[in-house]
């Protein structure tokens, strides 16, 4: 199995403009190639926000999001 995670998220934090507080605070996880994961949690836990960041629909976050070892901020549009 590959040593490089398919997806690696490190200390991801995000706050929507005008929000009372952050939606994500220091979220860290990795997904190994061939693995299947799901996002579970109550309403407002940050599931959709995390997916929007992974899909590059939100870009004003702090932390690192890498896919196959490459930071997604470095991808061209």
N, C-alpha and C. Protein backbone atom coordinates (compact mmCIF):
# COMPACT_ATOMS: atom_id res chain seq x y z
N UNK A 1 0.84 -1.18 0.00
CA UNK A 1 0.00 0.00 0.00
C UNK A 1 0.88 1.24 0.00
N UNK A 2 0.42 2.28 -0.66
CA UNK A 2 1.17 3.52 -0.80
C UNK A 2 1.38 4.20 0.55
N UNK A 3 2.56 4.82 0.71
CA UNK A 3 2.86 5.55 1.94
C UNK A 3 2.21 6.93 1.94
N UNK A 4 1.85 7.45 0.76
CA UNK A 4 1.23 8.76 0.66
C UNK A 4 -0.29 8.60 0.76
N UNK A 5 -0.92 9.28 1.73
CA UNK A 5 -2.38 9.20 1.84
C UNK A 5 -3.06 9.75 0.59
N UNK A 6 -4.21 9.20 0.25
CA UNK A 6 -4.99 9.73 -0.87
C UNK A 6 -5.45 11.14 -0.54
N UNK A 7 -5.90 11.34 0.70
CA UNK A 7 -6.32 12.66 1.20
C UNK A 7 -5.72 12.84 2.58
N UNK A 8 -5.12 14.00 2.81
CA UNK A 8 -4.55 14.30 4.12
C UNK A 8 -4.94 15.72 4.51
N UNK A 9 -5.64 15.85 5.62
CA UNK A 9 -6.10 17.14 6.13
C UNK A 9 -5.40 17.38 7.46
N UNK A 10 -4.73 18.52 7.59
CA UNK A 10 -3.99 18.84 8.82
C UNK A 10 -4.41 20.20 9.37
N UNK A 11 -4.86 20.20 10.59
CA UNK A 11 -5.25 21.40 11.35
C UNK A 11 -6.12 22.36 10.53
N UNK A 12 -7.13 21.79 9.87
CA UNK A 12 -8.04 22.57 9.04
C UNK A 12 -9.01 23.36 9.92
N UNK A 13 -9.08 24.66 9.70
CA UNK A 13 -10.01 25.52 10.42
C UNK A 13 -10.71 26.43 9.41
N UNK A 14 -11.98 26.73 9.70
CA UNK A 14 -12.75 27.59 8.79
C UNK A 14 -13.85 28.29 9.56
N UNK A 15 -14.04 29.56 9.24
CA UNK A 15 -15.13 30.35 9.81
C UNK A 15 -15.85 31.06 8.67
N UNK A 16 -17.16 30.89 8.61
CA UNK A 16 -17.95 31.60 7.60
C UNK A 16 -17.98 33.09 7.94
N UNK A 17 -17.91 33.96 6.92
CA UNK A 17 -17.99 35.40 7.18
C UNK A 17 -19.27 35.74 7.95
N UNK A 18 -19.14 36.53 8.99
CA UNK A 18 -20.28 36.95 9.78
C UNK A 18 -20.75 35.94 10.81
N UNK A 19 -20.10 34.77 10.88
CA UNK A 19 -20.51 33.74 11.84
C UNK A 19 -20.04 34.12 13.24
N UNK A 20 -20.76 33.62 14.24
CA UNK A 20 -20.40 33.88 15.64
C UNK A 20 -19.13 33.16 16.06
N UNK A 21 -18.82 32.06 15.40
CA UNK A 21 -17.63 31.29 15.74
C UNK A 21 -17.24 30.39 14.59
N UNK A 22 -16.14 29.67 14.73
CA UNK A 22 -15.66 28.80 13.66
C UNK A 22 -16.55 27.58 13.45
N UNK A 23 -16.60 27.13 12.21
CA UNK A 23 -17.30 25.89 11.87
C UNK A 23 -16.37 24.70 12.04
N UNK A 24 -15.11 24.87 11.66
CA UNK A 24 -14.10 23.82 11.82
C UNK A 24 -12.93 24.38 12.63
N UNK A 25 -12.42 23.57 13.55
CA UNK A 25 -11.27 23.98 14.37
C UNK A 25 -10.29 22.82 14.43
N UNK A 26 -9.13 22.99 13.81
CA UNK A 26 -8.03 22.01 13.88
C UNK A 26 -8.44 20.59 13.50
N UNK A 27 -9.23 20.45 12.44
CA UNK A 27 -9.63 19.12 11.95
C UNK A 27 -8.43 18.45 11.28
N UNK A 28 -8.13 17.24 11.69
CA UNK A 28 -7.01 16.48 11.12
C UNK A 28 -7.45 15.05 10.86
N UNK A 29 -7.23 14.58 9.64
CA UNK A 29 -7.50 13.18 9.31
C UNK A 29 -6.77 12.82 8.02
N UNK A 30 -6.63 11.53 7.76
CA UNK A 30 -6.07 11.09 6.49
C UNK A 30 -6.87 9.88 6.00
N UNK A 31 -6.91 9.75 4.69
CA UNK A 31 -7.61 8.65 4.04
C UNK A 31 -6.59 7.92 3.18
N UNK A 32 -6.39 6.67 3.46
CA UNK A 32 -5.44 5.86 2.70
C UNK A 32 -6.06 5.40 1.38
N UNK A 33 -5.26 5.22 0.35
CA UNK A 33 -5.78 4.74 -0.93
C UNK A 33 -6.55 3.43 -0.74
N UNK A 34 -7.69 3.33 -1.39
CA UNK A 34 -8.51 2.13 -1.32
C UNK A 34 -9.46 2.08 -0.14
N UNK A 35 -9.38 3.05 0.75
CA UNK A 35 -10.25 3.08 1.93
C UNK A 35 -11.55 3.81 1.61
N UNK A 36 -12.57 3.49 2.38
CA UNK A 36 -13.86 4.16 2.26
C UNK A 36 -14.20 4.76 3.61
N UNK A 37 -14.52 6.05 3.62
CA UNK A 37 -14.85 6.76 4.85
C UNK A 37 -16.17 7.49 4.65
N UNK A 38 -16.81 7.82 5.76
CA UNK A 38 -18.03 8.63 5.73
C UNK A 38 -17.92 9.77 6.71
N UNK A 39 -18.66 10.83 6.47
CA UNK A 39 -18.73 11.97 7.38
C UNK A 39 -20.01 11.84 8.19
N UNK A 40 -19.87 11.69 9.50
CA UNK A 40 -21.02 11.56 10.39
C UNK A 40 -20.94 12.63 11.46
N UNK A 41 -22.09 13.16 11.84
CA UNK A 41 -22.13 14.14 12.92
C UNK A 41 -23.43 14.90 12.90
N UNK A 42 -23.70 15.61 13.98
CA UNK A 42 -24.95 16.36 14.06
C UNK A 42 -24.95 17.57 13.13
N UNK A 43 -26.10 18.17 12.96
CA UNK A 43 -26.24 19.38 12.17
C UNK A 43 -25.30 20.45 12.70
N UNK A 44 -24.57 21.09 11.78
CA UNK A 44 -23.64 22.15 12.18
C UNK A 44 -22.27 21.67 12.58
N UNK A 45 -21.99 20.38 12.42
CA UNK A 45 -20.70 19.84 12.84
C UNK A 45 -19.57 20.11 11.84
N UNK A 46 -19.90 20.54 10.62
CA UNK A 46 -18.88 20.87 9.64
C UNK A 46 -18.72 19.85 8.52
N UNK A 47 -19.64 18.91 8.41
CA UNK A 47 -19.53 17.89 7.36
C UNK A 47 -19.56 18.50 5.96
N UNK A 48 -20.57 19.31 5.70
CA UNK A 48 -20.70 19.94 4.37
C UNK A 48 -19.58 20.93 4.12
N UNK A 49 -19.18 21.65 5.13
CA UNK A 49 -18.07 22.61 4.99
C UNK A 49 -16.78 21.88 4.61
N UNK A 50 -16.51 20.75 5.26
CA UNK A 50 -15.32 19.97 4.94
C UNK A 50 -15.36 19.51 3.49
N UNK A 51 -16.51 19.03 3.04
CA UNK A 51 -16.63 18.58 1.65
C UNK A 51 -16.48 19.74 0.68
N UNK A 52 -17.03 20.89 1.01
CA UNK A 52 -16.89 22.06 0.13
C UNK A 52 -15.42 22.46 0.00
N UNK A 53 -14.67 22.35 1.07
CA UNK A 53 -13.23 22.65 1.01
C UNK A 53 -12.52 21.61 0.15
N UNK A 54 -12.84 20.33 0.34
CA UNK A 54 -12.22 19.28 -0.47
C UNK A 54 -12.54 19.44 -1.96
N UNK A 55 -13.74 19.93 -2.28
CA UNK A 55 -14.16 20.16 -3.67
C UNK A 55 -13.70 21.51 -4.20
N UNK A 56 -12.98 22.27 -3.34
CA UNK A 56 -12.44 23.59 -3.68
C UNK A 56 -13.53 24.63 -3.93
N UNK A 57 -14.66 24.47 -3.27
CA UNK A 57 -15.73 25.46 -3.35
C UNK A 57 -15.52 26.57 -2.32
N UNK A 58 -14.75 26.28 -1.29
CA UNK A 58 -14.35 27.26 -0.27
C UNK A 58 -12.83 27.29 -0.24
N UNK A 59 -12.25 28.48 -0.24
CA UNK A 59 -10.78 28.55 -0.29
C UNK A 59 -10.15 29.34 0.85
N UNK A 60 -10.93 30.05 1.63
CA UNK A 60 -10.37 30.89 2.70
C UNK A 60 -10.32 30.12 4.01
N UNK A 61 -9.50 29.09 4.06
CA UNK A 61 -9.35 28.26 5.26
C UNK A 61 -7.90 28.30 5.72
N UNK A 62 -7.69 27.89 6.95
CA UNK A 62 -6.32 27.73 7.42
C UNK A 62 -6.05 26.24 7.60
N UNK A 63 -4.80 25.87 7.51
CA UNK A 63 -4.43 24.46 7.58
C UNK A 63 -4.00 23.96 6.22
N UNK A 64 -3.89 22.67 6.11
CA UNK A 64 -3.40 22.04 4.88
C UNK A 64 -4.36 20.96 4.43
N UNK A 65 -4.63 20.94 3.12
CA UNK A 65 -5.44 19.89 2.51
C UNK A 65 -4.65 19.37 1.32
N UNK A 66 -4.24 18.11 1.39
CA UNK A 66 -3.44 17.51 0.32
C UNK A 66 -4.17 16.32 -0.28
N UNK A 67 -4.11 16.22 -1.59
CA UNK A 67 -4.64 15.07 -2.31
C UNK A 67 -3.48 14.48 -3.08
N UNK A 68 -3.20 13.21 -2.84
CA UNK A 68 -2.06 12.51 -3.46
C UNK A 68 -0.76 13.28 -3.23
N UNK A 69 -0.63 13.90 -2.05
CA UNK A 69 0.59 14.58 -1.67
C UNK A 69 0.71 16.02 -2.12
N UNK A 70 -0.26 16.52 -2.88
CA UNK A 70 -0.20 17.89 -3.39
C UNK A 70 -1.24 18.76 -2.70
N UNK A 71 -0.80 19.92 -2.21
CA UNK A 71 -1.72 20.88 -1.59
C UNK A 71 -2.73 21.35 -2.63
N UNK A 72 -4.03 21.29 -2.29
CA UNK A 72 -5.05 21.64 -3.28
C UNK A 72 -5.03 23.13 -3.64
N UNK A 73 -4.46 23.96 -2.79
CA UNK A 73 -4.32 25.39 -3.14
C UNK A 73 -3.37 25.58 -4.31
N UNK A 74 -2.48 24.62 -4.54
CA UNK A 74 -1.49 24.71 -5.61
C UNK A 74 -2.03 24.25 -6.97
N UNK A 75 -3.22 23.68 -6.98
CA UNK A 75 -3.80 23.23 -8.25
C UNK A 75 -4.22 24.42 -9.08
N UNK A 76 -4.08 24.30 -10.39
CA UNK A 76 -4.60 25.35 -11.26
C UNK A 76 -6.11 25.12 -11.42
N UNK A 77 -6.81 26.16 -11.77
CA UNK A 77 -8.28 26.07 -11.86
C UNK A 77 -8.73 25.23 -13.01
